[in-house]
């Protein structure tokens, strides 16, 4: 979970959840093998309360901006990353113990690149 006041990510679950999360995402192995899986979720009511149905669009735009920033930071740190949107929402919610009104939007596994993908100059 992102804590804006402290500008930090906070672990939301203890224990190993990567294999279960990968299973909920069509067994995409980057999720099971990554050092960390960042999941962007949305509680639409927070935005639609103010902006009505247009708020859904705003939520998606902001989620995309956040994912782009994570991606850019991963590249800057020479880490591997991929953005995954193919998953079963209900299964991801169950694995992450999300409340009913919180929806998963992205799964972003981040980790060290395989040696074959490392930048030799780098």
N, C-alpha and C. Protein backbone atom coordinates (compact mmCIF):
# COMPACT_ATOMS: atom_id res chain seq x y z
N UNK A 1 0.86 -1.17 0.00
CA UNK A 1 0.00 0.00 0.00
C UNK A 1 0.90 1.23 0.00
N UNK A 2 0.54 2.22 -0.81
CA UNK A 2 1.32 3.46 -0.84
C UNK A 2 0.84 4.39 0.25
N UNK A 3 1.77 4.86 1.05
CA UNK A 3 1.48 5.82 2.11
C UNK A 3 2.05 7.17 1.69
N UNK A 4 1.20 8.08 1.21
CA UNK A 4 1.71 9.34 0.66
C UNK A 4 2.43 10.23 1.68
N UNK A 5 1.99 10.25 2.92
CA UNK A 5 2.65 11.11 3.91
C UNK A 5 4.10 10.69 4.14
N UNK A 6 4.34 9.38 4.13
CA UNK A 6 5.70 8.87 4.33
C UNK A 6 6.42 8.62 3.00
N UNK A 7 5.70 8.72 1.90
CA UNK A 7 6.21 8.43 0.56
C UNK A 7 6.90 7.07 0.55
N UNK A 8 6.12 6.04 0.91
CA UNK A 8 6.69 4.70 0.96
C UNK A 8 5.63 3.65 0.64
N UNK A 9 6.11 2.51 0.20
CA UNK A 9 5.25 1.35 0.00
C UNK A 9 5.28 0.51 1.26
N UNK A 10 4.11 0.04 1.65
CA UNK A 10 3.98 -0.76 2.86
C UNK A 10 3.45 -2.14 2.47
N UNK A 11 4.06 -3.17 2.99
CA UNK A 11 3.60 -4.53 2.73
C UNK A 11 2.19 -4.70 3.30
N UNK A 12 1.30 -5.29 2.51
CA UNK A 12 -0.08 -5.46 2.99
C UNK A 12 -0.37 -6.90 3.41
N UNK A 13 0.44 -7.85 2.97
CA UNK A 13 0.24 -9.25 3.34
C UNK A 13 1.56 -9.86 3.78
N UNK A 14 1.52 -10.67 4.79
CA UNK A 14 2.69 -11.42 5.20
C UNK A 14 2.66 -12.79 4.53
N UNK A 15 3.82 -13.37 4.40
CA UNK A 15 3.88 -14.71 3.84
C UNK A 15 4.00 -14.68 2.33
N UNK A 16 4.19 -15.83 1.77
CA UNK A 16 4.39 -16.01 0.34
C UNK A 16 3.05 -16.07 -0.38
N UNK A 17 2.79 -15.09 -1.23
CA UNK A 17 1.53 -15.04 -1.98
C UNK A 17 1.74 -15.04 -3.49
N UNK A 18 3.01 -15.03 -3.93
CA UNK A 18 3.28 -14.87 -5.36
C UNK A 18 2.72 -16.00 -6.21
N UNK A 19 2.82 -17.23 -5.76
CA UNK A 19 2.31 -18.35 -6.57
C UNK A 19 0.79 -18.28 -6.68
N UNK A 20 0.12 -17.95 -5.60
CA UNK A 20 -1.34 -17.83 -5.64
C UNK A 20 -1.75 -16.66 -6.53
N UNK A 21 -1.00 -15.56 -6.46
CA UNK A 21 -1.30 -14.41 -7.31
C UNK A 21 -1.06 -14.75 -8.78
N UNK A 22 0.02 -15.47 -9.06
CA UNK A 22 0.30 -15.91 -10.43
C UNK A 22 -0.82 -16.81 -10.95
N UNK A 23 -1.31 -17.70 -10.12
CA UNK A 23 -2.41 -18.59 -10.53
C UNK A 23 -3.65 -17.79 -10.88
N UNK A 24 -3.90 -16.71 -10.15
CA UNK A 24 -5.05 -15.84 -10.42
C UNK A 24 -4.86 -15.03 -11.69
N UNK A 25 -3.62 -15.00 -12.18
CA UNK A 25 -3.29 -14.23 -13.38
C UNK A 25 -2.85 -15.16 -14.51
N UNK A 26 -3.60 -16.21 -14.70
CA UNK A 26 -3.37 -17.13 -15.81
C UNK A 26 -1.98 -17.75 -15.77
N UNK A 27 -1.46 -17.96 -14.57
CA UNK A 27 -0.16 -18.60 -14.34
C UNK A 27 1.00 -17.88 -15.03
N UNK A 28 0.96 -16.58 -15.04
CA UNK A 28 2.06 -15.80 -15.61
C UNK A 28 3.24 -15.85 -14.63
N UNK A 29 4.31 -16.50 -15.06
CA UNK A 29 5.42 -16.81 -14.17
C UNK A 29 6.20 -15.60 -13.69
N UNK A 30 6.14 -14.50 -14.40
CA UNK A 30 6.85 -13.31 -13.93
C UNK A 30 6.31 -12.87 -12.56
N UNK A 31 5.05 -13.15 -12.29
CA UNK A 31 4.46 -12.80 -10.99
C UNK A 31 5.05 -13.69 -9.90
N UNK A 32 5.18 -14.97 -10.18
CA UNK A 32 5.73 -15.91 -9.19
C UNK A 32 7.22 -15.71 -8.99
N UNK A 33 7.93 -15.23 -10.02
CA UNK A 33 9.38 -15.14 -9.96
C UNK A 33 9.91 -13.76 -9.60
N UNK A 34 9.10 -12.74 -9.68
CA UNK A 34 9.56 -11.39 -9.38
C UNK A 34 9.92 -11.23 -7.92
N UNK A 35 10.80 -10.29 -7.64
CA UNK A 35 11.17 -10.01 -6.25
C UNK A 35 10.01 -9.38 -5.49
N UNK A 36 9.21 -8.61 -6.21
CA UNK A 36 8.05 -7.94 -5.61
C UNK A 36 6.96 -7.84 -6.66
N UNK A 37 5.73 -7.92 -6.23
CA UNK A 37 4.59 -7.70 -7.12
C UNK A 37 3.84 -6.49 -6.59
N UNK A 38 3.81 -5.44 -7.39
CA UNK A 38 3.07 -4.24 -7.03
C UNK A 38 1.71 -4.34 -7.70
N UNK A 39 0.66 -4.19 -6.93
CA UNK A 39 -0.69 -4.28 -7.47
C UNK A 39 -1.36 -2.93 -7.27
N UNK A 40 -1.82 -2.34 -8.37
CA UNK A 40 -2.57 -1.09 -8.29
C UNK A 40 -4.05 -1.45 -8.25
N UNK A 41 -4.73 -0.91 -7.25
CA UNK A 41 -6.16 -1.15 -7.09
C UNK A 41 -6.90 0.17 -7.06
N UNK A 42 -8.20 0.08 -7.18
CA UNK A 42 -9.03 1.29 -7.16
C UNK A 42 -10.27 1.07 -6.31
N UNK A 43 -10.63 2.10 -5.60
CA UNK A 43 -11.94 2.18 -4.95
C UNK A 43 -12.66 3.30 -5.69
N UNK A 44 -13.43 2.91 -6.69
CA UNK A 44 -14.04 3.88 -7.60
C UNK A 44 -14.90 4.92 -6.89
N UNK A 45 -15.59 4.51 -5.82
CA UNK A 45 -16.51 5.43 -5.15
C UNK A 45 -15.82 6.69 -4.65
N UNK A 46 -14.56 6.59 -4.33
CA UNK A 46 -13.83 7.77 -3.85
C UNK A 46 -13.80 8.88 -4.90
N UNK A 47 -13.75 8.48 -6.16
CA UNK A 47 -13.67 9.47 -7.24
C UNK A 47 -15.03 9.74 -7.87
N UNK A 48 -15.85 8.70 -8.04
CA UNK A 48 -17.15 8.92 -8.67
C UNK A 48 -18.08 9.73 -7.77
N UNK A 49 -17.81 9.71 -6.48
CA UNK A 49 -18.60 10.53 -5.55
C UNK A 49 -18.52 12.01 -5.94
N UNK A 50 -17.36 12.42 -6.39
CA UNK A 50 -17.15 13.83 -6.76
C UNK A 50 -17.39 14.08 -8.25
N UNK A 51 -16.94 13.14 -9.10
CA UNK A 51 -16.95 13.38 -10.55
C UNK A 51 -17.98 12.54 -11.30
N UNK A 52 -18.83 11.83 -10.60
CA UNK A 52 -19.85 10.98 -11.20
C UNK A 52 -19.17 9.92 -12.08
N UNK A 53 -19.82 9.51 -13.16
CA UNK A 53 -19.28 8.44 -14.00
C UNK A 53 -17.94 8.80 -14.64
N UNK A 54 -17.69 10.08 -14.86
CA UNK A 54 -16.41 10.51 -15.43
C UNK A 54 -15.25 10.13 -14.51
N UNK A 55 -15.54 9.97 -13.23
CA UNK A 55 -14.51 9.58 -12.27
C UNK A 55 -13.85 8.25 -12.60
N UNK A 56 -14.59 7.36 -13.24
CA UNK A 56 -14.01 6.07 -13.63
C UNK A 56 -12.85 6.30 -14.59
N UNK A 57 -13.06 7.19 -15.54
CA UNK A 57 -11.99 7.53 -16.49
C UNK A 57 -10.79 8.12 -15.74
N UNK A 58 -11.05 9.00 -14.79
CA UNK A 58 -9.97 9.62 -14.03
C UNK A 58 -9.17 8.59 -13.24
N UNK A 59 -9.88 7.63 -12.67
CA UNK A 59 -9.19 6.57 -11.92
C UNK A 59 -8.26 5.80 -12.85
N UNK A 60 -8.73 5.45 -14.03
CA UNK A 60 -7.89 4.70 -14.98
C UNK A 60 -6.70 5.53 -15.44
N UNK A 61 -6.91 6.81 -15.65
CA UNK A 61 -5.79 7.68 -16.04
C UNK A 61 -4.74 7.73 -14.93
N UNK A 62 -5.18 7.92 -13.70
CA UNK A 62 -4.24 8.01 -12.58
C UNK A 62 -3.51 6.68 -12.36
N UNK A 63 -4.22 5.58 -12.52
CA UNK A 63 -3.57 4.26 -12.39
C UNK A 63 -2.50 4.10 -13.46
N UNK A 64 -2.79 4.53 -14.67
CA UNK A 64 -1.80 4.48 -15.74
C UNK A 64 -0.59 5.35 -15.45
N UNK A 65 -0.83 6.53 -14.91
CA UNK A 65 0.28 7.42 -14.55
C UNK A 65 1.15 6.78 -13.47
N UNK A 66 0.53 6.20 -12.47
CA UNK A 66 1.27 5.55 -11.39
C UNK A 66 2.09 4.38 -11.93
N UNK A 67 1.48 3.57 -12.78
CA UNK A 67 2.19 2.42 -13.36
C UNK A 67 3.37 2.89 -14.20
N UNK A 68 3.18 3.97 -14.95
CA UNK A 68 4.28 4.51 -15.76
C UNK A 68 5.44 4.94 -14.87
N UNK A 69 5.15 5.58 -13.76
CA UNK A 69 6.21 6.01 -12.85
C UNK A 69 6.96 4.82 -12.25
N UNK A 70 6.24 3.77 -11.90
CA UNK A 70 6.91 2.57 -11.40
C UNK A 70 7.80 1.98 -12.49
N UNK A 71 7.28 1.93 -13.70
CA UNK A 71 8.04 1.39 -14.82
C UNK A 71 9.31 2.20 -15.06
N UNK A 72 9.19 3.52 -15.09
CA UNK A 72 10.35 4.38 -15.31
C UNK A 72 11.39 4.22 -14.21
N UNK A 73 10.94 4.09 -12.97
CA UNK A 73 11.88 3.90 -11.86
C UNK A 73 12.58 2.55 -11.96
N UNK A 74 11.85 1.52 -12.36
CA UNK A 74 12.46 0.20 -12.54
C UNK A 74 13.55 0.26 -13.61
N UNK A 75 13.26 0.92 -14.72
CA UNK A 75 14.25 1.05 -15.79
C UNK A 75 15.47 1.83 -15.28
N UNK A 76 15.24 2.90 -14.55
CA UNK A 76 16.34 3.71 -14.02
C UNK A 76 17.23 2.89 -13.08
N UNK A 77 16.65 1.90 -12.42
CA UNK A 77 17.41 1.06 -11.49
C UNK A 77 17.89 -0.24 -12.14
N UNK A 78 17.74 -0.33 -13.47
CA UNK A 78 18.12 -1.51 -14.25
C UNK A 78 17.43 -2.78 -13.75
N UNK A 79 16.18 -2.64 -13.38
CA UNK A 79 15.37 -3.77 -12.95
C UNK A 79 14.43 -4.18 -14.08
N UNK A 80 14.02 -5.41 -14.06
CA UNK A 80 13.03 -5.89 -15.01
C UNK A 80 11.63 -5.65 -14.47
N UNK A 81 10.71 -5.37 -15.37
CA UNK A 81 9.33 -5.14 -14.96
C UNK A 81 8.40 -5.38 -16.13
N UNK A 82 7.20 -5.79 -15.81
CA UNK A 82 6.17 -5.95 -16.83
C UNK A 82 4.85 -5.55 -16.19
N UNK A 83 3.96 -5.01 -17.01
CA UNK A 83 2.64 -4.63 -16.53
C UNK A 83 1.66 -5.70 -17.00
N UNK A 84 0.89 -6.24 -16.06
CA UNK A 84 -0.03 -7.34 -16.37
C UNK A 84 -1.46 -6.90 -16.07
N UNK A 85 -2.31 -7.09 -17.06
CA UNK A 85 -3.72 -6.78 -16.87
C UNK A 85 -4.61 -7.99 -17.06
N UNK A 86 -4.00 -9.13 -17.43
CA UNK A 86 -4.77 -10.36 -17.66
C UNK A 86 -4.81 -11.17 -16.37
N UNK A 87 -5.92 -11.07 -15.68
CA UNK A 87 -6.10 -11.82 -14.43
C UNK A 87 -7.58 -11.91 -14.13
N UNK A 88 -7.92 -12.82 -13.24
CA UNK A 88 -9.29 -12.98 -12.78
C UNK A 88 -9.47 -12.08 -11.56
N UNK A 89 -10.26 -11.03 -11.73
CA UNK A 89 -10.43 -10.03 -10.68
C UNK A 89 -10.80 -10.65 -9.33
N UNK A 90 -11.79 -11.52 -9.32
CA UNK A 90 -12.26 -12.11 -8.06
C UNK A 90 -11.17 -12.93 -7.37
N UNK A 91 -10.38 -13.64 -8.17
CA UNK A 91 -9.30 -14.44 -7.58
C UNK A 91 -8.20 -13.55 -7.01
N UNK A 92 -7.85 -12.48 -7.71
CA UNK A 92 -6.85 -11.55 -7.20
C UNK A 92 -7.35 -10.91 -5.91
N UNK A 93 -8.61 -10.52 -5.90
CA UNK A 93 -9.19 -9.92 -4.69
C UNK A 93 -9.12 -10.90 -3.52
N UNK A 94 -9.36 -12.16 -3.79
CA UNK A 94 -9.31 -13.17 -2.72
C UNK A 94 -7.88 -13.35 -2.20
N UNK A 95 -6.92 -13.47 -3.12
CA UNK A 95 -5.52 -13.65 -2.71
C UNK A 95 -5.04 -12.46 -1.88
N UNK A 96 -5.42 -11.26 -2.30
CA UNK A 96 -4.94 -10.05 -1.63
C UNK A 96 -5.84 -9.61 -0.48
N UNK A 97 -6.92 -10.34 -0.27
CA UNK A 97 -7.86 -10.01 0.80
C UNK A 97 -8.39 -8.58 0.67
N UNK A 98 -8.76 -8.21 -0.57
CA UNK A 98 -9.28 -6.87 -0.83
C UNK A 98 -10.74 -6.78 -0.42
N UNK A 99 -11.17 -5.63 0.05
CA UNK A 99 -12.59 -5.45 0.35
C UNK A 99 -13.43 -5.49 -0.92
N UNK A 100 -14.70 -5.70 -0.77
CA UNK A 100 -15.63 -5.84 -1.89
C UNK A 100 -15.56 -4.66 -2.86
N UNK A 101 -15.38 -3.45 -2.35
CA UNK A 101 -15.43 -2.26 -3.20
C UNK A 101 -14.07 -1.87 -3.80
N UNK A 102 -13.04 -2.68 -3.59
CA UNK A 102 -11.71 -2.38 -4.13
C UNK A 102 -11.40 -3.31 -5.29
N UNK A 103 -11.05 -2.74 -6.43
CA UNK A 103 -10.85 -3.51 -7.66
C UNK A 103 -9.39 -3.50 -8.09
N UNK A 104 -8.82 -4.66 -8.43
CA UNK A 104 -7.46 -4.69 -8.95
C UNK A 104 -7.44 -4.18 -10.40
N UNK A 105 -6.42 -3.38 -10.73
CA UNK A 105 -6.29 -2.84 -12.08
C UNK A 105 -5.04 -3.34 -12.79
N UNK A 106 -3.94 -3.39 -12.08
CA UNK A 106 -2.65 -3.80 -12.64
C UNK A 106 -1.94 -4.71 -11.65
N UNK A 107 -1.18 -5.65 -12.18
CA UNK A 107 -0.18 -6.37 -11.40
C UNK A 107 1.16 -6.08 -12.07
N UNK A 108 2.12 -5.63 -11.28
CA UNK A 108 3.43 -5.27 -11.84
C UNK A 108 4.54 -6.01 -11.10
N UNK A 109 4.98 -7.15 -11.64
CA UNK A 109 6.12 -7.82 -11.04
C UNK A 109 7.40 -7.05 -11.36
N UNK A 110 8.23 -6.87 -10.35
CA UNK A 110 9.50 -6.16 -10.49
C UNK A 110 10.59 -7.05 -9.92
N UNK A 111 11.72 -7.10 -10.61
CA UNK A 111 12.84 -7.89 -10.11
C UNK A 111 14.08 -7.71 -10.95
N UNK A 112 15.09 -8.47 -10.61
CA UNK A 112 16.33 -8.41 -11.37
C UNK A 112 16.12 -9.07 -12.72
N UNK A 113 16.73 -8.51 -13.76
CA UNK A 113 16.63 -9.07 -15.09
C UNK A 113 17.45 -10.35 -15.16
N UNK A 114 17.00 -11.31 -15.97
CA UNK A 114 17.86 -12.48 -16.21
C UNK A 114 19.18 -12.03 -16.83
N UNK A 115 20.23 -12.77 -16.60
CA UNK A 115 21.55 -12.39 -17.09
C UNK A 115 21.52 -12.13 -18.58
N UNK A 116 20.75 -12.88 -19.34
CA UNK A 116 20.69 -12.71 -20.80
C UNK A 116 20.12 -11.36 -21.20
N UNK A 117 19.39 -10.68 -20.29
CA UNK A 117 18.80 -9.39 -20.61
C UNK A 117 19.54 -8.22 -19.98
N UNK A 118 20.60 -8.50 -19.23
CA UNK A 118 21.36 -7.43 -18.59
C UNK A 118 22.06 -6.60 -19.66
N UNK A 119 22.18 -5.33 -19.39
CA UNK A 119 22.89 -4.42 -20.27
C UNK A 119 24.39 -4.64 -20.08
N UNK A 120 25.10 -5.12 -21.13
CA UNK A 120 26.52 -5.41 -20.94
C UNK A 120 27.34 -4.15 -20.64
N UNK A 121 26.86 -3.00 -21.04
CA UNK A 121 27.58 -1.75 -20.77
C UNK A 121 27.30 -1.24 -19.37
N UNK A 122 26.29 -1.81 -18.74
CA UNK A 122 25.76 -1.29 -17.61
C UNK A 122 26.01 -1.31 -16.26
